[in-house]
Amino acid sequence: MNELKFRFYEELNDFLPEKRKKIIFDYNIEGNPSVKDVVESFGVPHTEVDLIIVNGVSVNFDYNLQDGDFVSVYPVFENMDISELTHLREKPLRNPIFIADIQLGKLAKYLRMLGFDTLYSNKYKEKEIIKISNEEKRAILTRNIFLLKNSRVVCGYWIRSQDAHQQVIQVLHTSDLLSDIKLFKRCSECNGILTLVPKAEIENKLLPNTIKYFTEFHQCTICSKIYWKGSHFKKMLNFSEDLRKEVESLFT
């Protein structure tokens, strides 16, 4: 029987029972399993881990644990340079695009509204989500921990809260996306790109008061939905500003 010590940091503790949160704890194992297998046995999906230090040295997921190892496990580093260590992801999520599972339709709409490329369909099956994620290099957003433990999943986030507002805050904070917010870039309904369209081209689709009071219009290149900067846009601005303040407070 090999005796080891483990310590999980920051949000990785969300996956652990209370007795193992934010402390160094002992763990005994038979044989020499990979550190990835043992980390996931604690309930932590590999997609949430970006750095593992064993006895002061960074290792990859294939490292076979040895008697006496002291293992420190860290989440994704978006605000710290660890370039000289062994990243367990190909690169930080700097040009983020997402695919959301069936439980996160409202989150997908919010992210699209903020300008982030986010695929969503209530018809997606887990296999299809993983396939699209890998082919298009999209981060999976899910409430299903077991989906993230699938060995074929490369990048994904477990969304902690059931509240859509808190879900958006988590995504913006975890991936440090405040500077990437761009309103009126994507269609919140289908994820298509919005483009400026001459008023004359879509006037027959507008209500009289809209024609009278607004001059600038955007149209989705996929579903053709029309957007203009009316009361809904003001609500979007307020929503975006509130999110910005809440996320900034998490960095201080």
C-alpha atoms as a PDB file:
ATOM      1  CA  MET A   1       0.000   0.000   0.000  1.00  0.00           C
ATOM      2  CA  ASN A   2       1.431   3.360  -1.098  1.00  0.00           C
ATOM      3  CA  GLU A   3       0.881   6.411   1.110  1.00  0.00           C
ATOM      4  CA  LEU A   4       0.379   9.801  -0.598  1.00  0.00           C
ATOM      5  CA  LYS A   5      -0.636  13.337   0.285  1.00  0.00           C
ATOM      6  CA  PHE A   6      -2.978  15.499  -1.825  1.00  0.00           C
ATOM      7  CA  ARG A   7      -3.960  19.167  -1.861  1.00  0.00           C
ATOM      8  CA  PHE A   8      -6.522  20.708  -4.233  1.00  0.00           C
ATOM      9  CA  TYR A   9      -6.633  24.459  -4.817  1.00  0.00           C
ATOM     10  CA  GLU A  10      -9.242  27.155  -5.412  1.00  0.00           C
ATOM     11  CA  GLU A  11     -12.448  26.115  -7.245  1.00  0.00           C
ATOM     12  CA  LEU A  12     -11.350  22.476  -7.533  1.00  0.00           C
ATOM     13  CA  ASN A  13     -12.481  22.181  -3.927  1.00  0.00           C
ATOM     14  CA  ASP A  14     -16.064  22.483  -5.206  1.00  0.00           C
ATOM     15  CA  PHE A  15     -15.852  18.829  -6.195  1.00  0.00           C
ATOM     16  CA  LEU A  16     -14.540  17.521  -2.878  1.00  0.00           C
ATOM     17  CA  PRO A  17     -16.351  16.460   0.299  1.00  0.00           C
ATOM     18  CA  GLU A  18     -16.052  18.879   3.234  1.00  0.00           C
ATOM     19  CA  LYS A  19     -13.399  16.806   5.009  1.00  0.00           C
ATOM     20  CA  ARG A  20     -11.005  17.220   2.052  1.00  0.00           C
ATOM     21  CA  LYS A  21     -11.625  20.860   1.105  1.00  0.00           C
ATOM     22  CA  LYS A  22      -8.640  23.258   1.233  1.00  0.00           C
ATOM     23  CA  ILE A  23      -6.430  20.974   3.315  1.00  0.00           C
ATOM     24  CA  ILE A  24      -3.595  18.503   2.820  1.00  0.00           C
ATOM     25  CA  PHE A  25      -5.055  15.019   3.226  1.00  0.00           C
ATOM     26  CA  ASP A  26      -3.602  11.508   3.242  1.00  0.00           C
ATOM     27  CA  TYR A  27      -4.577   8.928   0.664  1.00  0.00           C
ATOM     28  CA  ASN A  28      -3.531   5.274   0.359  1.00  0.00           C
ATOM     29  CA  ILE A  29      -3.523   3.344  -2.902  1.00  0.00           C
ATOM     30  CA  GLU A  30      -2.481  -0.048  -4.193  1.00  0.00           C
ATOM     31  CA  GLY A  31      -0.116  -0.152  -7.140  1.00  0.00           C
ATOM     32  CA  ASN A  32       0.894   2.871  -9.221  1.00  0.00           C
ATOM     33  CA  PRO A  33      -2.150   4.307 -11.033  1.00  0.00           C
ATOM     34  CA  SER A  34      -1.921   7.456 -13.145  1.00  0.00           C
ATOM     35  CA  VAL A  35      -2.438  10.744 -11.353  1.00  0.00           C
ATOM     36  CA  LYS A  36      -5.327  11.475 -13.750  1.00  0.00           C
ATOM     37  CA  ASP A  37      -7.237   8.372 -12.631  1.00  0.00           C
ATOM     38  CA  VAL A  38      -6.786   9.191  -8.963  1.00  0.00           C
ATOM     39  CA  VAL A  39      -7.703  12.877  -9.370  1.00  0.00           C
ATOM     40  CA  GLU A  40     -10.925  11.900 -11.145  1.00  0.00           C
ATOM     41  CA  SER A  41     -11.652   9.278  -8.491  1.00  0.00           C
ATOM     42  CA  PHE A  42     -11.994  12.220  -6.077  1.00  0.00           C
ATOM     43  CA  GLY A  43     -14.715  13.643  -8.332  1.00  0.00           C
ATOM     44  CA  VAL A  44     -12.598  16.274 -10.106  1.00  0.00           C
ATOM     45  CA  PRO A  45     -12.978  16.185 -13.936  1.00  0.00           C
ATOM     46  CA  HIS A  46      -9.671  16.352 -15.794  1.00  0.00           C
ATOM     47  CA  THR A  47     -10.983  19.293 -17.849  1.00  0.00           C
ATOM     48  CA  GLU A  48     -10.955  21.460 -14.708  1.00  0.00           C
ATOM     49  CA  VAL A  49      -7.257  20.808 -14.010  1.00  0.00           C
ATOM     50  CA  ASP A  50      -4.425  22.787 -15.592  1.00  0.00           C
ATOM     51  CA  LEU A  51      -1.421  22.022 -13.402  1.00  0.00           C
ATOM     52  CA  ILE A  52      -0.305  19.110 -11.213  1.00  0.00           C
ATOM     53  CA  ILE A  53       2.798  19.394  -9.035  1.00  0.00           C
ATOM     54  CA  VAL A  54       4.279  16.195  -7.558  1.00  0.00           C
ATOM     55  CA  ASN A  55       7.085  16.679  -5.049  1.00  0.00           C
ATOM     56  CA  GLY A  56       7.736  20.166  -6.431  1.00  0.00           C
ATOM     57  CA  VAL A  57       7.843  19.113 -10.114  1.00  0.00           C
ATOM     58  CA  SER A  58       5.062  19.630 -12.685  1.00  0.00           C
ATOM     59  CA  VAL A  59       3.850  16.379 -14.289  1.00  0.00           C
ATOM     60  CA  ASN A  60       1.353  15.329 -16.939  1.00  0.00           C
ATOM     61  CA  PHE A  61      -1.751  13.198 -16.481  1.00  0.00           C
ATOM     62  CA  ASP A  62       0.145   9.994 -17.320  1.00  0.00           C
ATOM     63  CA  TYR A  63       2.439  10.236 -14.321  1.00  0.00           C
ATOM     64  CA  ASN A  64       2.284   7.039 -12.220  1.00  0.00           C
ATOM     65  CA  LEU A  65       1.990   7.800  -8.530  1.00  0.00           C
ATOM     66  CA  GLN A  66       4.687   6.520  -6.182  1.00  0.00           C
ATOM     67  CA  ASP A  67       4.852   5.873  -2.450  1.00  0.00           C
ATOM     68  CA  GLY A  68       5.408   9.124  -0.551  1.00  0.00           C
ATOM     69  CA  ASP A  69       4.303  11.481  -3.352  1.00  0.00           C
ATOM     70  CA  PHE A  70       2.942  14.889  -2.366  1.00  0.00           C
ATOM     71  CA  VAL A  71       0.450  15.932  -5.071  1.00  0.00           C
ATOM     72  CA  SER A  72      -0.819  19.502  -5.533  1.00  0.00           C
ATOM     73  CA  VAL A  73      -3.616  20.018  -8.058  1.00  0.00           C
ATOM     74  CA  TYR A  74      -4.487  23.435  -9.539  1.00  0.00           C
ATOM     75  CA  PRO A  75      -7.300  24.773 -11.762  1.00  0.00           C
ATOM     76  CA  VAL A  76      -6.921  26.814 -14.953  1.00  0.00           C
ATOM     77  CA  PHE A  77      -4.575  29.785 -14.638  1.00  0.00           C
ATOM     78  CA  GLU A  78      -5.890  32.724 -16.679  1.00  0.00           C
ATOM     79  CA  ASN A  79      -4.161  35.484 -14.713  1.00  0.00           C
ATOM     80  CA  MET A  80      -0.805  33.923 -13.872  1.00  0.00           C
ATOM     81  CA  ASP A  81       2.118  32.968 -16.103  1.00  0.00           C
ATOM     82  CA  ILE A  82       2.922  29.264 -15.744  1.00  0.00           C
ATOM     83  CA  SER A  83       4.336  28.921 -19.244  1.00  0.00           C
ATOM     84  CA  GLU A  84       7.506  27.156 -18.069  1.00  0.00           C
ATOM     85  CA  LEU A  85       5.555  24.428 -16.274  1.00  0.00           C
ATOM     86  CA  THR A  86       3.711  21.415 -17.673  1.00  0.00           C
ATOM     87  CA  HIS A  87       0.353  22.755 -18.831  1.00  0.00           C
ATOM     88  CA  LEU A  88      -2.324  20.047 -18.962  1.00  0.00           C
ATOM     89  CA  ARG A  89      -4.201  22.029 -21.607  1.00  0.00           C
ATOM     90  CA  GLU A  90      -2.914  22.862 -25.064  1.00  0.00           C
ATOM     91  CA  LYS A  91      -3.167  26.602 -24.343  1.00  0.00           C
ATOM     92  CA  PRO A  92      -5.188  29.020 -22.230  1.00  0.00           C
ATOM     93  CA  LEU A  93      -8.674  29.706 -23.521  1.00  0.00           C
ATOM     94  CA  ARG A  94      -7.841  33.005 -25.179  1.00  0.00           C
ATOM     95  CA  ASN A  95     -10.193  32.858 -28.170  1.00  0.00           C
ATOM     96  CA  PRO A  96     -13.112  31.187 -26.439  1.00  0.00           C
ATOM     97  CA  ILE A  97     -15.926  29.477 -28.273  1.00  0.00           C
ATOM     98  CA  PHE A  98     -18.408  27.265 -26.475  1.00  0.00           C
ATOM     99  CA  ILE A  99     -20.969  24.515 -26.797  1.00  0.00           C
ATOM    100  CA  ALA A 100     -23.590  24.293 -24.031  1.00  0.00           C
ATOM    101  CA  ASP A 101     -25.486  21.184 -22.995  1.00  0.00           C
ATOM    102  CA  ILE A 102     -29.262  20.775 -22.822  1.00  0.00           C
ATOM    103  CA  GLN A 103     -29.542  22.271 -19.314  1.00  0.00           C
ATOM    104  CA  LEU A 104     -27.910  25.583 -20.240  1.00  0.00           C
ATOM    105  CA  GLY A 105     -30.133  27.183 -22.869  1.00  0.00           C
ATOM    106  CA  LYS A 106     -30.488  30.467 -20.987  1.00  0.00           C
ATOM    107  CA  LEU A 107     -26.740  30.672 -20.366  1.00  0.00           C
ATOM    108  CA  ALA A 108     -26.156  30.146 -24.101  1.00  0.00           C
ATOM    109  CA  LYS A 109     -28.485  33.066 -24.913  1.00  0.00           C
ATOM    110  CA  TYR A 110     -26.722  35.344 -22.438  1.00  0.00           C
ATOM    111  CA  LEU A 111     -23.284  34.482 -23.805  1.00  0.00           C
ATOM    112  CA  ARG A 112     -24.460  35.100 -27.379  1.00  0.00           C
ATOM    113  CA  MET A 113     -25.930  38.436 -26.292  1.00  0.00           C
ATOM    114  CA  LEU A 114     -22.491  39.352 -24.924  1.00  0.00           C
ATOM    115  CA  GLY A 115     -20.910  38.412 -28.268  1.00  0.00           C
ATOM    116  CA  PHE A 116     -19.534  34.932 -27.529  1.00  0.00           C
ATOM    117  CA  ASP A 117     -19.796  32.136 -30.089  1.00  0.00           C
ATOM    118  CA  THR A 118     -21.967  29.580 -28.258  1.00  0.00           C
ATOM    119  CA  LEU A 119     -23.624  26.558 -29.846  1.00  0.00           C
ATOM    120  CA  TYR A 120     -26.746  25.152 -28.203  1.00  0.00           C
ATOM    121  CA  SER A 121     -29.559  22.805 -29.128  1.00  0.00           C
ATOM    122  CA  ASN A 122     -31.946  20.878 -26.907  1.00  0.00           C
ATOM    123  CA  LYS A 123     -31.496  18.017 -29.372  1.00  0.00           C
ATOM    124  CA  TYR A 124     -27.750  17.583 -28.807  1.00  0.00           C
ATOM    125  CA  LYS A 125     -26.763  14.203 -27.363  1.00  0.00           C
ATOM    126  CA  GLU A 126     -23.620  13.828 -25.260  1.00  0.00           C
ATOM    127  CA  LYS A 127     -21.684  12.054 -28.015  1.00  0.00           C
ATOM    128  CA  GLU A 128     -22.549  14.851 -30.443  1.00  0.00           C
ATOM    129  CA  ILE A 129     -21.484  17.544 -27.974  1.00  0.00           C
ATOM    130  CA  ILE A 130     -18.095  15.858 -27.497  1.00  0.00           C
ATOM    131  CA  LYS A 131     -17.655  15.383 -31.257  1.00  0.00           C
ATOM    132  CA  ILE A 132     -18.437  19.036 -32.035  1.00  0.00           C
ATOM    133  CA  SER A 133     -16.266  20.210 -29.145  1.00  0.00           C
ATOM    134  CA  ASN A 134     -13.232  18.309 -30.398  1.00  0.00           C
ATOM    135  CA  GLU A 135     -13.720  19.091 -34.083  1.00  0.00           C
ATOM    136  CA  GLU A 136     -14.291  22.821 -33.572  1.00  0.00           C
ATOM    137  CA  LYS A 137     -12.147  23.216 -30.415  1.00  0.00           C
ATOM    138  CA  ARG A 138     -15.117  24.427 -28.381  1.00  0.00           C
ATOM    139  CA  ALA A 139     -15.154  24.382 -24.589  1.00  0.00           C
ATOM    140  CA  ILE A 140     -18.059  22.347 -23.252  1.00  0.00           C
ATOM    141  CA  LEU A 141     -20.290  24.093 -20.715  1.00  0.00           C
ATOM    142  CA  THR A 142     -22.240  21.581 -18.665  1.00  0.00           C
ATOM    143  CA  ARG A 143     -23.906  20.851 -15.337  1.00  0.00           C
ATOM    144  CA  ASN A 144     -23.063  17.165 -15.860  1.00  0.00           C
ATOM    145  CA  ILE A 145     -19.785  16.292 -14.115  1.00  0.00           C
ATOM    146  CA  PHE A 146     -19.768  12.820 -15.653  1.00  0.00           C
ATOM    147  CA  LEU A 147     -19.704  14.322 -19.163  1.00  0.00           C
ATOM    148  CA  LEU A 148     -16.465  16.140 -18.310  1.00  0.00           C
ATOM    149  CA  LYS A 149     -14.913  12.916 -17.001  1.00  0.00           C
ATOM    150  CA  ASN A 150     -15.250  11.315 -20.434  1.00  0.00           C
ATOM    151  CA  SER A 151     -11.692  10.624 -21.645  1.00  0.00           C
ATOM    152  CA  ARG A 152     -12.534  12.090 -25.084  1.00  0.00           C
ATOM    153  CA  VAL A 153     -13.337  15.518 -23.631  1.00  0.00           C
ATOM    154  CA  VAL A 154     -10.435  17.939 -24.082  1.00  0.00           C
ATOM    155  CA  CYS A 155     -11.831  21.204 -22.753  1.00  0.00           C
ATOM    156  CA  GLY A 156     -14.861  21.914 -20.617  1.00  0.00           C
ATOM    157  CA  TYR A 157     -16.228  23.633 -17.533  1.00  0.00           C
ATOM    158  CA  TRP A 158     -18.584  22.368 -14.882  1.00  0.00           C
ATOM    159  CA  ILE A 159     -21.149  25.118 -14.329  1.00  0.00           C
ATOM    160  CA  ARG A 160     -21.694  25.284 -10.580  1.00  0.00           C
ATOM    161  CA  SER A 161     -24.872  27.303 -10.168  1.00  0.00           C
ATOM    162  CA  GLN A 162     -28.396  26.604 -11.407  1.00  0.00           C
ATOM    163  CA  ASP A 163     -28.996  30.358 -11.699  1.00  0.00           C
ATOM    164  CA  ALA A 164     -28.293  31.676 -15.221  1.00  0.00           C
ATOM    165  CA  HIS A 165     -26.995  35.034 -13.959  1.00  0.00           C
ATOM    166  CA  GLN A 166     -24.437  33.327 -11.726  1.00  0.00           C
ATOM    167  CA  GLN A 167     -23.554  30.957 -14.560  1.00  0.00           C
ATOM    168  CA  VAL A 168     -22.577  33.875 -16.800  1.00  0.00           C
ATOM    169  CA  ILE A 169     -20.470  35.371 -14.018  1.00  0.00           C
ATOM    170  CA  GLN A 170     -18.631  32.050 -13.617  1.00  0.00           C
ATOM    171  CA  VAL A 171     -17.816  31.798 -17.329  1.00  0.00           C
ATOM    172  CA  LEU A 172     -16.676  35.431 -17.579  1.00  0.00           C
ATOM    173  CA  HIS A 173     -14.555  35.155 -14.448  1.00  0.00           C
ATOM    174  CA  THR A 174     -13.036  31.716 -15.082  1.00  0.00           C
ATOM    175  CA  SER A 175     -11.944  32.599 -18.611  1.00  0.00           C
ATOM    176  CA  ASP A 176     -11.204  36.296 -17.925  1.00  0.00           C
ATOM    177  CA  LEU A 177     -13.518  37.462 -20.713  1.00  0.00           C
ATOM    178  CA  LEU A 178     -14.580  40.953 -19.645  1.00  0.00           C
ATOM    179  CA  SER A 179     -12.478  42.638 -22.327  1.00  0.00           C
ATOM    180  CA  ASP A 180     -14.008  40.372 -25.004  1.00  0.00           C
ATOM    181  CA  ILE A 181     -17.639  41.418 -24.462  1.00  0.00           C
ATOM    182  CA  LYS A 182     -19.144  42.829 -27.680  1.00  0.00           C
ATOM    183  CA  LEU A 183     -22.847  43.656 -27.729  1.00  0.00           C
ATOM    184  CA  PHE A 184     -24.743  43.485 -31.026  1.00  0.00           C
ATOM    185  CA  LYS A 185     -22.294  40.979 -32.481  1.00  0.00           C
ATOM    186  CA  ARG A 186     -24.312  37.732 -32.358  1.00  0.00           C
ATOM    187  CA  CYS A 187     -27.911  36.677 -32.599  1.00  0.00           C
ATOM    188  CA  SER A 188     -29.125  35.485 -29.200  1.00  0.00           C
ATOM    189  CA  GLU A 189     -31.544  33.080 -30.892  1.00  0.00           C
ATOM    190  CA  CYS A 190     -29.316  31.167 -33.316  1.00  0.00           C
ATOM    191  CA  ASN A 191     -25.704  32.343 -32.720  1.00  0.00           C
ATOM    192  CA  GLY A 192     -25.448  33.907 -36.175  1.00  0.00           C
ATOM    193  CA  ILE A 193     -23.365  37.028 -36.843  1.00  0.00           C
ATOM    194  CA  LEU A 194     -25.206  40.371 -36.883  1.00  0.00           C
ATOM    195  CA  THR A 195     -24.504  42.811 -39.715  1.00  0.00           C
ATOM    196  CA  LEU A 196     -25.664  46.347 -40.392  1.00  0.00           C
ATOM    197  CA  VAL A 197     -28.542  46.395 -42.834  1.00  0.00           C
ATOM    198  CA  PRO A 198     -30.008  49.417 -44.674  1.00  0.00           C
ATOM    199  CA  LYS A 199     -33.353  50.434 -43.221  1.00  0.00           C
ATOM    200  CA  ALA A 200     -34.918  50.455 -46.665  1.00  0.00           C
ATOM    201  CA  GLU A 201     -34.210  46.747 -47.122  1.00  0.00           C
ATOM    202  CA  ILE A 202     -36.132  45.630 -44.041  1.00  0.00           C
ATOM    203  CA  GLU A 203     -38.684  48.423 -43.591  1.00  0.00           C
ATOM    204  CA  ASN A 204     -41.556  46.168 -44.641  1.00  0.00           C
ATOM    205  CA  LYS A 205     -40.778  43.920 -41.637  1.00  0.00           C
ATOM    206  CA  LEU A 206     -40.892  46.716 -39.056  1.00  0.00           C
ATOM    207  CA  LEU A 207     -43.702  48.211 -36.978  1.00  0.00           C
ATOM    208  CA  PRO A 208     -44.635  51.854 -37.676  1.00  0.00           C
ATOM    209  CA  ASN A 209     -43.134  53.252 -34.445  1.00  0.00           C
ATOM    210  CA  THR A 210     -39.903  51.345 -35.035  1.00  0.00           C
ATOM    211  CA  ILE A 211     -39.657  52.849 -38.511  1.00  0.00           C
ATOM    212  CA  LYS A 212     -40.364  56.309 -37.094  1.00  0.00           C
ATOM    213  CA  TYR A 213     -37.926  56.373 -34.176  1.00  0.00           C
ATOM    214  CA  PHE A 214     -34.957  54.217 -35.245  1.00  0.00           C
ATOM    215  CA  THR A 215     -32.506  54.442 -38.120  1.00  0.00           C
ATOM    216  CA  GLU A 216     -29.790  51.830 -37.399  1.00  0.00           C
ATOM    217  CA  PHE A 217     -30.597  48.133 -37.752  1.00  0.00           C
ATOM    218  CA  HIS A 218     -28.685  44.857 -37.559  1.00  0.00           C
ATOM    219  CA  GLN A 219     -29.818  41.568 -39.057  1.00  0.00           C
ATOM    220  CA  CYS A 220     -28.752  38.008 -38.346  1.00  0.00           C
ATOM    221  CA  THR A 221     -26.966  36.402 -41.293  1.00  0.00           C
ATOM    222  CA  ILE A 222     -28.532  33.021 -40.462  1.00  0.00           C
ATOM    223  CA  CYS A 223     -32.104  33.424 -39.171  1.00  0.00           C
ATOM    224  CA  SER A 224     -32.664  37.017 -40.449  1.00  0.00           C
ATOM    225  CA  LYS A 225     -33.913  38.301 -37.088  1.00  0.00           C
ATOM    226  CA  ILE A 226     -33.697  42.101 -36.925  1.00  0.00           C
ATOM    227  CA  TYR A 227     -32.200  44.047 -34.016  1.00  0.00           C
ATOM    228  CA  TRP A 228     -32.199  47.769 -33.177  1.00  0.00           C
ATOM    229  CA  LYS A 229     -31.091  49.852 -30.202  1.00  0.00           C
ATOM    230  CA  GLY A 230     -34.406  50.283 -28.454  1.00  0.00           C
ATOM    231  CA  SER A 231     -35.397  49.602 -24.836  1.00  0.00           C
ATOM    232  CA  HIS A 232     -34.082  46.042 -25.104  1.00  0.00           C
ATOM    233  CA  PHE A 233     -30.631  47.373 -25.972  1.00  0.00           C
ATOM    234  CA  LYS A 234     -30.649  49.622 -22.902  1.00  0.00           C
ATOM    235  CA  LYS A 235     -31.444  46.569 -20.778  1.00  0.00           C
ATOM    236  CA  MET A 236     -28.534  44.748 -22.443  1.00  0.00           C
ATOM    237  CA  LEU A 237     -26.189  47.616 -21.580  1.00  0.00           C
ATOM    238  CA  ASN A 238     -27.324  47.627 -17.953  1.00  0.00           C
ATOM    239  CA  PHE A 239     -27.036  43.832 -17.761  1.00  0.00           C
ATOM    240  CA  SER A 240     -23.530  43.915 -19.245  1.00  0.00           C
ATOM    241  CA  GLU A 241     -22.399  46.666 -16.867  1.00  0.00           C
ATOM    242  CA  ASP A 242     -23.790  44.841 -13.820  1.00  0.00           C
ATOM    243  CA  LEU A 243     -21.947  41.685 -14.877  1.00  0.00           C
ATOM    244  CA  ARG A 244     -18.742  43.630 -15.362  1.00  0.00           C
ATOM    245  CA  LYS A 245     -18.912  45.064 -11.837  1.00  0.00           C
ATOM    246  CA  GLU A 246     -19.661  41.681 -10.288  1.00  0.00           C
ATOM    247  CA  VAL A 247     -16.839  39.916 -12.125  1.00  0.00           C
ATOM    248  CA  GLU A 248     -14.333  42.720 -11.411  1.00  0.00           C
ATOM    249  CA  SER A 249     -15.135  42.406  -7.718  1.00  0.00           C
ATOM    250  CA  LEU A 250     -14.016  38.769  -7.862  1.00  0.00           C
ATOM    251  CA  PHE A 251     -10.552  39.796  -9.085  1.00  0.00           C
ATOM    252  CA  THR A 252      -9.973  42.216  -6.200  1.00  0.00           C
END
